Amino acid sequence: MRFGLPAVCPQDWICRPSKAYLAGLLHDIGIVAHLWILPREFAATLEMAKGRHIPLHEAEMATLGCHHGETGRRVAESWHLAPDLVETISNHHDPAAASSHRDLVALVGLSDLLCRMSGLGYGYVEECQVSFVEEPGFALLLQECPTLKEFDWARFTFELEVYMEEVHRLVTALYRS
């Protein structure tokens, strides 16, 4: 029991979507640290990622020797964030590496991937083919949350495309004004 309530929900983020929302907001905090601590080096890293159309964390590894998940973990630990947030920040690009809270890590990792593949990443489009249902994080999420196997993924994909179009219009309208 937690807070006097029966433990009916093993995945905290399902019972409390605010936890998943917070993890989504904080998962890239390491990028802010890189911008603050290594502004020139990070600018060069971002240019490399843009020029090669590769994931930012791969460019960070090549130029900085670490990626924003690792740096973000240090920030999260210094801020004494909850262990599930630390794990998510640290491993969102490799959910299989998570030692705990793997469901939340996989959820945020897949959400991050969906945004990057939809052009809502770091200001450029990555050139890679992704099959969402073949992603290791997707398999991990299904393993951790078996009820998701019954979810209508085809409908989700269709509806997601419509929502992404709306988000793109909103972002375009905001930044053109």
N, C-alpha and C. Protein backbone atom coordinates (compact mmCIF):
# COMPACT_ATOMS: atom_id res chain seq x y z
N MET A 1 0.83 -1.19 0.00
CA MET A 1 0.00 0.00 0.00
C MET A 1 0.87 1.25 0.00
N ARG A 2 0.36 2.23 -0.68
CA ARG A 2 1.05 3.51 -0.74
C ARG A 2 0.01 4.59 -0.49
N PHE A 3 0.30 5.50 0.41
CA PHE A 3 -0.60 6.58 0.77
C PHE A 3 -1.98 6.06 1.16
N GLY A 4 -2.01 4.87 1.80
CA GLY A 4 -3.26 4.31 2.26
C GLY A 4 -4.12 3.68 1.17
N LEU A 5 -3.63 3.64 -0.06
CA LEU A 5 -4.38 3.05 -1.16
C LEU A 5 -3.82 1.68 -1.49
N PRO A 6 -4.67 0.75 -1.89
CA PRO A 6 -4.15 -0.55 -2.27
C PRO A 6 -3.29 -0.45 -3.52
N ALA A 7 -2.29 -1.31 -3.59
CA ALA A 7 -1.38 -1.32 -4.74
C ALA A 7 -2.04 -2.09 -5.88
N VAL A 8 -2.90 -1.43 -6.63
CA VAL A 8 -3.61 -2.10 -7.73
C VAL A 8 -2.92 -1.87 -9.07
N CYS A 9 -1.96 -0.99 -9.08
CA CYS A 9 -1.33 -0.62 -10.35
C CYS A 9 0.18 -0.76 -10.22
N PRO A 10 0.77 -1.78 -10.84
CA PRO A 10 2.21 -1.96 -10.70
C PRO A 10 3.02 -0.88 -11.42
N GLN A 11 2.47 -0.29 -12.49
CA GLN A 11 3.18 0.76 -13.21
C GLN A 11 2.69 2.11 -12.71
N ASP A 12 3.56 2.80 -11.98
CA ASP A 12 3.21 4.08 -11.38
C ASP A 12 2.74 5.09 -12.41
N TRP A 13 3.33 5.09 -13.59
CA TRP A 13 2.99 6.09 -14.60
C TRP A 13 1.60 5.86 -15.19
N ILE A 14 1.07 4.63 -15.08
CA ILE A 14 -0.29 4.38 -15.55
C ILE A 14 -1.29 4.96 -14.55
N CYS A 15 -1.02 4.74 -13.26
CA CYS A 15 -1.91 5.27 -12.23
C CYS A 15 -1.77 6.78 -12.08
N ARG A 16 -0.57 7.25 -12.30
CA ARG A 16 -0.30 8.68 -12.15
C ARG A 16 0.39 9.17 -13.42
N PRO A 17 -0.38 9.53 -14.45
CA PRO A 17 0.23 9.98 -15.70
C PRO A 17 1.14 11.18 -15.51
N SER A 18 0.96 11.92 -14.42
CA SER A 18 1.82 13.07 -14.16
C SER A 18 3.28 12.64 -14.02
N LYS A 19 3.52 11.42 -13.56
CA LYS A 19 4.90 10.91 -13.44
C LYS A 19 5.51 10.74 -14.82
N ALA A 20 4.77 10.19 -15.75
CA ALA A 20 5.27 10.02 -17.12
C ALA A 20 5.46 11.39 -17.77
N TYR A 21 4.55 12.30 -17.52
CA TYR A 21 4.67 13.65 -18.07
C TYR A 21 5.94 14.32 -17.56
N LEU A 22 6.18 14.23 -16.25
CA LEU A 22 7.37 14.83 -15.66
C LEU A 22 8.64 14.18 -16.22
N ALA A 23 8.63 12.87 -16.36
CA ALA A 23 9.79 12.18 -16.94
C ALA A 23 10.04 12.64 -18.37
N GLY A 24 8.95 12.84 -19.12
CA GLY A 24 9.09 13.34 -20.49
C GLY A 24 9.66 14.75 -20.54
N LEU A 25 9.27 15.57 -19.60
CA LEU A 25 9.79 16.94 -19.56
C LEU A 25 11.27 16.98 -19.20
N LEU A 26 11.69 16.08 -18.31
CA LEU A 26 13.05 16.13 -17.78
C LEU A 26 14.05 15.24 -18.51
N HIS A 27 13.59 14.37 -19.39
CA HIS A 27 14.49 13.34 -19.92
C HIS A 27 15.71 13.90 -20.65
N ASP A 28 15.63 15.08 -21.22
CA ASP A 28 16.76 15.68 -21.95
C ASP A 28 17.48 16.76 -21.15
N ILE A 29 17.38 16.75 -19.84
CA ILE A 29 18.01 17.78 -19.02
C ILE A 29 19.52 17.81 -19.22
N GLY A 30 20.11 16.70 -19.62
CA GLY A 30 21.54 16.67 -19.90
C GLY A 30 21.94 17.57 -21.05
N ILE A 31 21.03 17.81 -21.98
CA ILE A 31 21.32 18.74 -23.07
C ILE A 31 21.52 20.14 -22.52
N VAL A 32 20.69 20.53 -21.58
CA VAL A 32 20.83 21.85 -20.95
C VAL A 32 22.18 21.95 -20.25
N ALA A 33 22.57 20.87 -19.58
CA ALA A 33 23.88 20.86 -18.91
C ALA A 33 25.00 21.00 -19.93
N HIS A 34 24.90 20.30 -21.05
CA HIS A 34 25.93 20.43 -22.09
C HIS A 34 25.98 21.85 -22.64
N LEU A 35 24.82 22.45 -22.85
CA LEU A 35 24.78 23.84 -23.34
C LEU A 35 25.42 24.80 -22.35
N TRP A 36 25.23 24.54 -21.09
CA TRP A 36 25.72 25.42 -20.04
C TRP A 36 27.22 25.23 -19.79
N ILE A 37 27.66 23.99 -19.73
CA ILE A 37 29.04 23.68 -19.35
C ILE A 37 29.99 23.70 -20.55
N LEU A 38 29.52 23.19 -21.69
CA LEU A 38 30.37 23.05 -22.88
C LEU A 38 29.71 23.71 -24.09
N PRO A 39 29.46 25.00 -24.06
CA PRO A 39 28.67 25.61 -25.14
C PRO A 39 29.29 25.47 -26.53
N ARG A 40 30.58 25.70 -26.66
CA ARG A 40 31.22 25.61 -27.98
C ARG A 40 31.27 24.16 -28.46
N GLU A 41 31.68 23.28 -27.56
CA GLU A 41 31.79 21.87 -27.92
C GLU A 41 30.42 21.29 -28.29
N PHE A 42 29.40 21.70 -27.52
CA PHE A 42 28.07 21.18 -27.81
C PHE A 42 27.54 21.74 -29.12
N ALA A 43 27.83 23.00 -29.41
CA ALA A 43 27.40 23.58 -30.69
C ALA A 43 28.02 22.80 -31.85
N ALA A 44 29.29 22.43 -31.72
CA ALA A 44 29.96 21.64 -32.76
C ALA A 44 29.32 20.25 -32.86
N THR A 45 28.95 19.69 -31.73
CA THR A 45 28.30 18.38 -31.71
C THR A 45 26.96 18.45 -32.42
N LEU A 46 26.19 19.48 -32.13
CA LEU A 46 24.89 19.65 -32.77
C LEU A 46 25.04 19.84 -34.28
N GLU A 47 26.02 20.60 -34.68
CA GLU A 47 26.28 20.78 -36.11
C GLU A 47 26.66 19.46 -36.78
N MET A 48 27.45 18.65 -36.09
CA MET A 48 27.80 17.34 -36.63
C MET A 48 26.56 16.48 -36.80
N ALA A 49 25.71 16.46 -35.78
CA ALA A 49 24.49 15.66 -35.84
C ALA A 49 23.59 16.13 -36.98
N LYS A 50 23.44 17.45 -37.12
CA LYS A 50 22.63 18.01 -38.20
C LYS A 50 23.23 17.67 -39.55
N GLY A 51 24.52 17.85 -39.69
CA GLY A 51 25.19 17.62 -40.97
C GLY A 51 25.12 16.17 -41.42
N ARG A 52 25.20 15.28 -40.46
CA ARG A 52 25.18 13.84 -40.79
C ARG A 52 23.79 13.23 -40.66
N HIS A 53 22.84 14.01 -40.11
CA HIS A 53 21.47 13.54 -39.88
C HIS A 53 21.46 12.30 -39.00
N ILE A 54 22.27 12.35 -37.92
CA ILE A 54 22.36 11.23 -36.99
C ILE A 54 21.75 11.64 -35.65
N PRO A 55 21.40 10.67 -34.82
CA PRO A 55 20.87 11.01 -33.50
C PRO A 55 21.88 11.82 -32.69
N LEU A 56 21.39 12.79 -31.96
CA LEU A 56 22.25 13.67 -31.17
C LEU A 56 23.11 12.89 -30.20
N HIS A 57 22.53 11.88 -29.55
CA HIS A 57 23.33 11.15 -28.56
C HIS A 57 24.51 10.42 -29.20
N GLU A 58 24.38 10.03 -30.45
CA GLU A 58 25.51 9.40 -31.15
C GLU A 58 26.60 10.43 -31.44
N ALA A 59 26.21 11.62 -31.85
CA ALA A 59 27.18 12.70 -32.10
C ALA A 59 27.86 13.10 -30.80
N GLU A 60 27.11 13.12 -29.71
CA GLU A 60 27.70 13.46 -28.41
C GLU A 60 28.77 12.45 -28.02
N MET A 61 28.48 11.18 -28.23
CA MET A 61 29.47 10.15 -27.90
C MET A 61 30.74 10.34 -28.72
N ALA A 62 30.57 10.67 -29.99
CA ALA A 62 31.73 10.84 -30.87
C ALA A 62 32.56 12.06 -30.52
N THR A 63 31.92 13.14 -30.10
CA THR A 63 32.66 14.39 -29.87
C THR A 63 32.96 14.65 -28.39
N LEU A 64 32.03 14.30 -27.51
CA LEU A 64 32.19 14.62 -26.09
C LEU A 64 32.61 13.42 -25.25
N GLY A 65 32.42 12.22 -25.79
CA GLY A 65 32.75 11.01 -25.04
C GLY A 65 31.67 10.58 -24.07
N CYS A 66 30.57 11.31 -24.04
CA CYS A 66 29.41 10.93 -23.23
C CYS A 66 28.19 11.55 -23.89
N HIS A 67 27.02 11.06 -23.55
CA HIS A 67 25.80 11.63 -24.13
C HIS A 67 24.96 12.29 -23.04
N HIS A 68 23.96 13.01 -23.48
CA HIS A 68 23.16 13.81 -22.55
C HIS A 68 22.42 12.97 -21.51
N GLY A 69 22.20 11.70 -21.77
CA GLY A 69 21.59 10.83 -20.75
C GLY A 69 22.51 10.64 -19.56
N GLU A 70 23.78 10.44 -19.85
CA GLU A 70 24.77 10.27 -18.77
C GLU A 70 24.94 11.56 -17.97
N THR A 71 25.05 12.67 -18.68
CA THR A 71 25.18 13.96 -18.01
C THR A 71 23.91 14.28 -17.24
N GLY A 72 22.76 13.99 -17.85
CA GLY A 72 21.49 14.22 -17.18
C GLY A 72 21.34 13.42 -15.90
N ARG A 73 21.87 12.20 -15.91
CA ARG A 73 21.83 11.38 -14.68
C ARG A 73 22.56 12.09 -13.56
N ARG A 74 23.70 12.66 -13.86
CA ARG A 74 24.47 13.37 -12.82
C ARG A 74 23.69 14.57 -12.29
N VAL A 75 23.05 15.29 -13.20
CA VAL A 75 22.23 16.44 -12.77
C VAL A 75 21.08 15.94 -11.90
N ALA A 76 20.39 14.91 -12.36
CA ALA A 76 19.23 14.39 -11.62
C ALA A 76 19.63 13.88 -10.24
N GLU A 77 20.76 13.22 -10.15
CA GLU A 77 21.22 12.73 -8.84
C GLU A 77 21.60 13.90 -7.93
N SER A 78 22.22 14.92 -8.50
CA SER A 78 22.60 16.07 -7.66
C SER A 78 21.38 16.84 -7.18
N TRP A 79 20.30 16.77 -7.95
CA TRP A 79 19.04 17.40 -7.55
C TRP A 79 18.20 16.49 -6.66
N HIS A 80 18.68 15.29 -6.39
CA HIS A 80 17.98 14.30 -5.57
C HIS A 80 16.60 13.96 -6.12
N LEU A 81 16.54 13.83 -7.46
CA LEU A 81 15.28 13.42 -8.08
C LEU A 81 14.98 11.97 -7.73
N ALA A 82 13.74 11.59 -7.88
CA ALA A 82 13.31 10.22 -7.58
C ALA A 82 14.07 9.23 -8.46
N PRO A 83 14.32 8.03 -7.96
CA PRO A 83 15.07 7.03 -8.72
C PRO A 83 14.48 6.72 -10.10
N ASP A 84 13.16 6.72 -10.23
CA ASP A 84 12.57 6.42 -11.54
C ASP A 84 12.89 7.52 -12.55
N LEU A 85 12.95 8.76 -12.10
CA LEU A 85 13.31 9.87 -12.99
C LEU A 85 14.80 9.80 -13.37
N VAL A 86 15.64 9.47 -12.40
CA VAL A 86 17.07 9.33 -12.68
C VAL A 86 17.29 8.24 -13.72
N GLU A 87 16.63 7.11 -13.54
CA GLU A 87 16.77 5.98 -14.46
C GLU A 87 16.27 6.34 -15.86
N THR A 88 15.17 7.07 -15.94
CA THR A 88 14.61 7.47 -17.22
C THR A 88 15.53 8.46 -17.94
N ILE A 89 16.00 9.46 -17.22
CA ILE A 89 16.90 10.45 -17.81
C ILE A 89 18.16 9.76 -18.32
N SER A 90 18.68 8.85 -17.54
CA SER A 90 19.94 8.18 -17.87
C SER A 90 19.82 7.24 -19.07
N ASN A 91 18.71 6.52 -19.18
CA ASN A 91 18.63 5.41 -20.14
C ASN A 91 17.56 5.55 -21.22
N HIS A 92 17.02 6.73 -21.44
CA HIS A 92 15.93 6.85 -22.40
C HIS A 92 16.34 6.50 -23.83
N HIS A 93 17.62 6.54 -24.16
CA HIS A 93 18.06 6.12 -25.50
C HIS A 93 18.41 4.63 -25.56
N ASP A 94 18.43 3.97 -24.43
CA ASP A 94 18.72 2.54 -24.36
C ASP A 94 17.94 1.92 -23.21
N PRO A 95 16.61 1.80 -23.37
CA PRO A 95 15.77 1.29 -22.28
C PRO A 95 16.20 -0.08 -21.74
N ALA A 96 16.80 -0.89 -22.59
CA ALA A 96 17.23 -2.22 -22.13
C ALA A 96 18.34 -2.13 -21.09
N ALA A 97 19.05 -1.01 -21.05
CA ALA A 97 20.13 -0.83 -20.07
C ALA A 97 19.60 -0.44 -18.69
N ALA A 98 18.33 -0.10 -18.61
CA ALA A 98 17.75 0.30 -17.32
C ALA A 98 17.72 -0.88 -16.36
N SER A 99 18.13 -0.63 -15.13
CA SER A 99 18.11 -1.70 -14.13
C SER A 99 16.81 -1.73 -13.35
N SER A 100 16.03 -0.66 -13.44
CA SER A 100 14.74 -0.60 -12.76
C SER A 100 13.85 0.39 -13.52
N HIS A 101 12.57 0.39 -13.18
CA HIS A 101 11.61 1.31 -13.80
C HIS A 101 11.65 1.23 -15.33
N ARG A 102 11.85 0.02 -15.83
CA ARG A 102 12.05 -0.19 -17.26
C ARG A 102 10.82 0.21 -18.08
N ASP A 103 9.64 0.10 -17.49
CA ASP A 103 8.44 0.49 -18.21
C ASP A 103 8.41 1.99 -18.49
N LEU A 104 8.73 2.79 -17.48
CA LEU A 104 8.75 4.24 -17.65
C LEU A 104 9.88 4.66 -18.59
N VAL A 105 11.04 4.03 -18.46
CA VAL A 105 12.18 4.33 -19.33
C VAL A 105 11.81 4.04 -20.78
N ALA A 106 11.18 2.88 -21.02
CA ALA A 106 10.79 2.50 -22.38
C ALA A 106 9.73 3.46 -22.93
N LEU A 107 8.77 3.83 -22.12
CA LEU A 107 7.73 4.76 -22.56
C LEU A 107 8.33 6.09 -22.99
N VAL A 108 9.20 6.65 -22.18
CA VAL A 108 9.81 7.94 -22.52
C VAL A 108 10.75 7.79 -23.71
N GLY A 109 11.49 6.70 -23.76
CA GLY A 109 12.38 6.47 -24.89
C GLY A 109 11.63 6.37 -26.21
N LEU A 110 10.51 5.66 -26.20
CA LEU A 110 9.70 5.54 -27.42
C LEU A 110 9.06 6.88 -27.78
N SER A 111 8.62 7.61 -26.79
CA SER A 111 8.04 8.94 -27.05
C SER A 111 9.08 9.87 -27.65
N ASP A 112 10.29 9.82 -27.12
CA ASP A 112 11.39 10.62 -27.66
C ASP A 112 11.66 10.23 -29.11
N LEU A 113 11.69 8.95 -29.38
CA LEU A 113 11.92 8.46 -30.75
C LEU A 113 10.81 8.93 -31.69
N LEU A 114 9.56 8.82 -31.26
CA LEU A 114 8.44 9.27 -32.08
C LEU A 114 8.56 10.76 -32.41
N CYS A 115 8.94 11.56 -31.44
CA CYS A 115 9.10 12.99 -31.69
C CYS A 115 10.23 13.25 -32.67
N ARG A 116 11.36 12.58 -32.47
CA ARG A 116 12.50 12.80 -33.38
C ARG A 116 12.17 12.35 -34.79
N MET A 117 11.45 11.26 -34.95
CA MET A 117 11.10 10.77 -36.28
C MET A 117 10.03 11.62 -36.93
N SER A 118 9.32 12.39 -36.12
CA SER A 118 8.27 13.27 -36.65
C SER A 118 8.77 14.69 -36.87
N GLY A 119 10.05 14.89 -36.74
CA GLY A 119 10.62 16.22 -36.96
C GLY A 119 10.50 17.15 -35.78
N LEU A 120 10.23 16.62 -34.60
CA LEU A 120 10.13 17.45 -33.39
C LEU A 120 11.31 17.18 -32.47
N GLY A 121 12.48 17.03 -33.05
CA GLY A 121 13.67 16.71 -32.27
C GLY A 121 14.47 17.94 -31.95
N TYR A 122 15.68 17.98 -32.47
CA TYR A 122 16.63 19.01 -32.10
C TYR A 122 16.87 20.01 -33.23
N GLY A 123 15.89 20.18 -34.11
CA GLY A 123 16.01 21.15 -35.17
C GLY A 123 16.46 20.58 -36.50
N TYR A 124 16.49 19.29 -36.62
CA TYR A 124 16.85 18.63 -37.87
C TYR A 124 16.17 17.26 -37.91
N VAL A 125 16.16 16.66 -39.07
CA VAL A 125 15.54 15.35 -39.23
C VAL A 125 16.63 14.30 -39.33
N GLU A 126 16.50 13.26 -38.51
CA GLU A 126 17.45 12.15 -38.56
C GLU A 126 17.09 11.26 -39.76
N GLU A 127 18.10 10.80 -40.46
CA GLU A 127 17.88 9.93 -41.60
C GLU A 127 18.02 8.48 -41.15
N CYS A 128 16.92 7.90 -40.75
CA CYS A 128 16.93 6.48 -40.41
C CYS A 128 15.51 5.95 -40.52
N GLN A 129 15.42 4.70 -40.85
CA GLN A 129 14.13 4.04 -40.94
C GLN A 129 13.83 3.37 -39.60
N VAL A 130 12.65 3.60 -39.10
CA VAL A 130 12.27 3.05 -37.80
C VAL A 130 10.95 2.33 -37.92
N SER A 131 10.92 1.13 -37.43
CA SER A 131 9.66 0.40 -37.28
C SER A 131 9.37 0.39 -35.79
N PHE A 132 8.39 1.16 -35.40
CA PHE A 132 8.06 1.34 -33.99
C PHE A 132 7.90 0.02 -33.26
N VAL A 133 7.14 -0.91 -33.84
CA VAL A 133 6.87 -2.18 -33.16
C VAL A 133 8.08 -3.11 -33.13
N GLU A 134 9.12 -2.79 -33.90
CA GLU A 134 10.34 -3.59 -33.86
C GLU A 134 11.41 -2.99 -32.96
N GLU A 135 11.13 -1.84 -32.38
CA GLU A 135 12.08 -1.19 -31.48
C GLU A 135 12.24 -2.01 -30.20
N PRO A 136 13.47 -2.16 -29.70
CA PRO A 136 13.68 -2.90 -28.44
C PRO A 136 12.86 -2.32 -27.28
N GLY A 137 12.72 -1.00 -27.26
CA GLY A 137 11.93 -0.37 -26.20
C GLY A 137 10.47 -0.77 -26.25
N PHE A 138 9.96 -1.00 -27.46
CA PHE A 138 8.56 -1.42 -27.60
C PHE A 138 8.38 -2.83 -27.03
N ALA A 139 9.29 -3.72 -27.35
CA ALA A 139 9.23 -5.08 -26.82
C ALA A 139 9.34 -5.05 -25.30
N LEU A 140 10.21 -4.21 -24.79
CA LEU A 140 10.37 -4.08 -23.34
C LEU A 140 9.10 -3.54 -22.70
N LEU A 141 8.47 -2.56 -23.31
CA LEU A 141 7.24 -2.00 -22.78
C LEU A 141 6.14 -3.05 -22.74
N LEU A 142 6.03 -3.84 -23.79
CA LEU A 142 5.03 -4.92 -23.81
C LEU A 142 5.33 -5.98 -22.76
N GLN A 143 6.60 -6.24 -22.54
CA GLN A 143 7.00 -7.21 -21.52
C GLN A 143 6.64 -6.71 -20.12
N GLU A 144 6.90 -5.44 -19.89
CA GLU A 144 6.64 -4.85 -18.57
C GLU A 144 5.16 -4.57 -18.33
N CYS A 145 4.41 -4.34 -19.41
CA CYS A 145 2.99 -3.99 -19.32
C CYS A 145 2.20 -4.89 -20.27
N PRO A 146 1.99 -6.14 -19.93
CA PRO A 146 1.35 -7.10 -20.85
C PRO A 146 -0.02 -6.67 -21.35
N THR A 147 -0.75 -5.85 -20.61
CA THR A 147 -2.08 -5.42 -21.07
C THR A 147 -2.00 -4.56 -22.32
N LEU A 148 -0.84 -4.01 -22.62
CA LEU A 148 -0.68 -3.19 -23.82
C LEU A 148 -0.73 -4.02 -25.10
N LYS A 149 -0.61 -5.32 -24.98
CA LYS A 149 -0.69 -6.19 -26.17
C LYS A 149 -2.08 -6.11 -26.79
N GLU A 150 -3.08 -5.79 -25.98
CA GLU A 150 -4.45 -5.68 -26.47
C GLU A 150 -4.77 -4.30 -27.03
N PHE A 151 -3.84 -3.37 -26.89
CA PHE A 151 -4.02 -2.00 -27.35
C PHE A 151 -4.11 -1.97 -28.88
N ASP A 152 -4.91 -1.07 -29.42
CA ASP A 152 -5.08 -0.95 -30.87
C ASP A 152 -3.96 -0.08 -31.44
N TRP A 153 -2.83 -0.71 -31.77
CA TRP A 153 -1.66 0.01 -32.22
C TRP A 153 -1.85 0.62 -33.61
N ALA A 154 -2.62 -0.01 -34.45
CA ALA A 154 -2.89 0.54 -35.79
C ALA A 154 -3.65 1.86 -35.66
N ARG A 155 -4.65 1.88 -34.81
CA ARG A 155 -5.42 3.11 -34.59
C ARG A 155 -4.53 4.19 -33.97
N PHE A 156 -3.71 3.78 -33.00
CA PHE A 156 -2.79 4.72 -32.36
C PHE A 156 -1.88 5.38 -33.41
N THR A 157 -1.32 4.59 -34.30
CA THR A 157 -0.43 5.11 -35.34
C THR A 157 -1.16 6.09 -36.24
N PHE A 158 -2.38 5.73 -36.64
CA PHE A 158 -3.17 6.60 -37.50
C PHE A 158 -3.47 7.93 -36.79
N GLU A 159 -3.95 7.84 -35.55
CA GLU A 159 -4.31 9.04 -34.81
C GLU A 159 -3.08 9.88 -34.49
N LEU A 160 -1.96 9.23 -34.25
CA LEU A 160 -0.74 9.95 -33.96
C LEU A 160 -0.33 10.84 -35.13
N GLU A 161 -0.47 10.35 -36.34
CA GLU A 161 -0.12 11.14 -37.52
C GLU A 161 -0.97 12.41 -37.58
N VAL A 162 -2.24 12.30 -37.26
CA VAL A 162 -3.13 13.47 -37.27
C VAL A 162 -2.69 14.47 -36.20
N TYR A 163 -2.40 13.96 -34.99
CA TYR A 163 -1.96 14.85 -33.92
C TYR A 163 -0.63 15.52 -34.24
N MET A 164 0.27 14.78 -34.85
CA MET A 164 1.57 15.34 -35.19
C MET A 164 1.42 16.47 -36.22
N GLU A 165 0.49 16.32 -37.15
CA GLU A 165 0.23 17.40 -38.11
C GLU A 165 -0.22 18.65 -37.36
N GLU A 166 -1.10 18.47 -36.37
CA GLU A 166 -1.58 19.61 -35.59
C GLU A 166 -0.44 20.25 -34.80
N VAL A 167 0.42 19.43 -34.21
CA VAL A 167 1.55 19.96 -33.45
C VAL A 167 2.49 20.73 -34.36
N HIS A 168 2.76 20.20 -35.54
CA HIS A 168 3.62 20.90 -36.50
C HIS A 168 3.03 22.26 -36.88
N ARG A 169 1.72 22.30 -37.11
CA ARG A 169 1.07 23.58 -37.45
C ARG A 169 1.20 24.57 -36.29
N LEU A 170 0.99 24.09 -35.08
CA LEU A 170 1.10 24.95 -33.91
C LEU A 170 2.52 25.48 -33.74
N VAL A 171 3.50 24.61 -33.84
CA VAL A 171 4.89 25.03 -33.69
C VAL A 171 5.25 26.04 -34.79
N THR A 172 4.84 25.76 -36.00
CA THR A 172 5.12 26.68 -37.11
C THR A 172 4.49 28.04 -36.85
N ALA A 173 3.24 28.04 -36.42
CA ALA A 173 2.55 29.30 -36.15
C ALA A 173 3.23 30.07 -35.00
N LEU A 174 3.66 29.38 -33.98
CA LEU A 174 4.31 30.04 -32.85
C LEU A 174 5.64 30.67 -33.23
N TYR A 175 6.42 29.96 -34.01
CA TYR A 175 7.77 30.44 -34.32
C TYR A 175 7.84 31.36 -35.53
N ARG A 176 6.76 31.48 -36.27
CA ARG A 176 6.74 32.43 -37.39
C ARG A 176 6.33 33.81 -36.93
N SER A 177 5.68 33.90 -35.79
CA SER A 177 5.21 35.21 -35.33
C SER A 177 6.27 35.98 -34.58
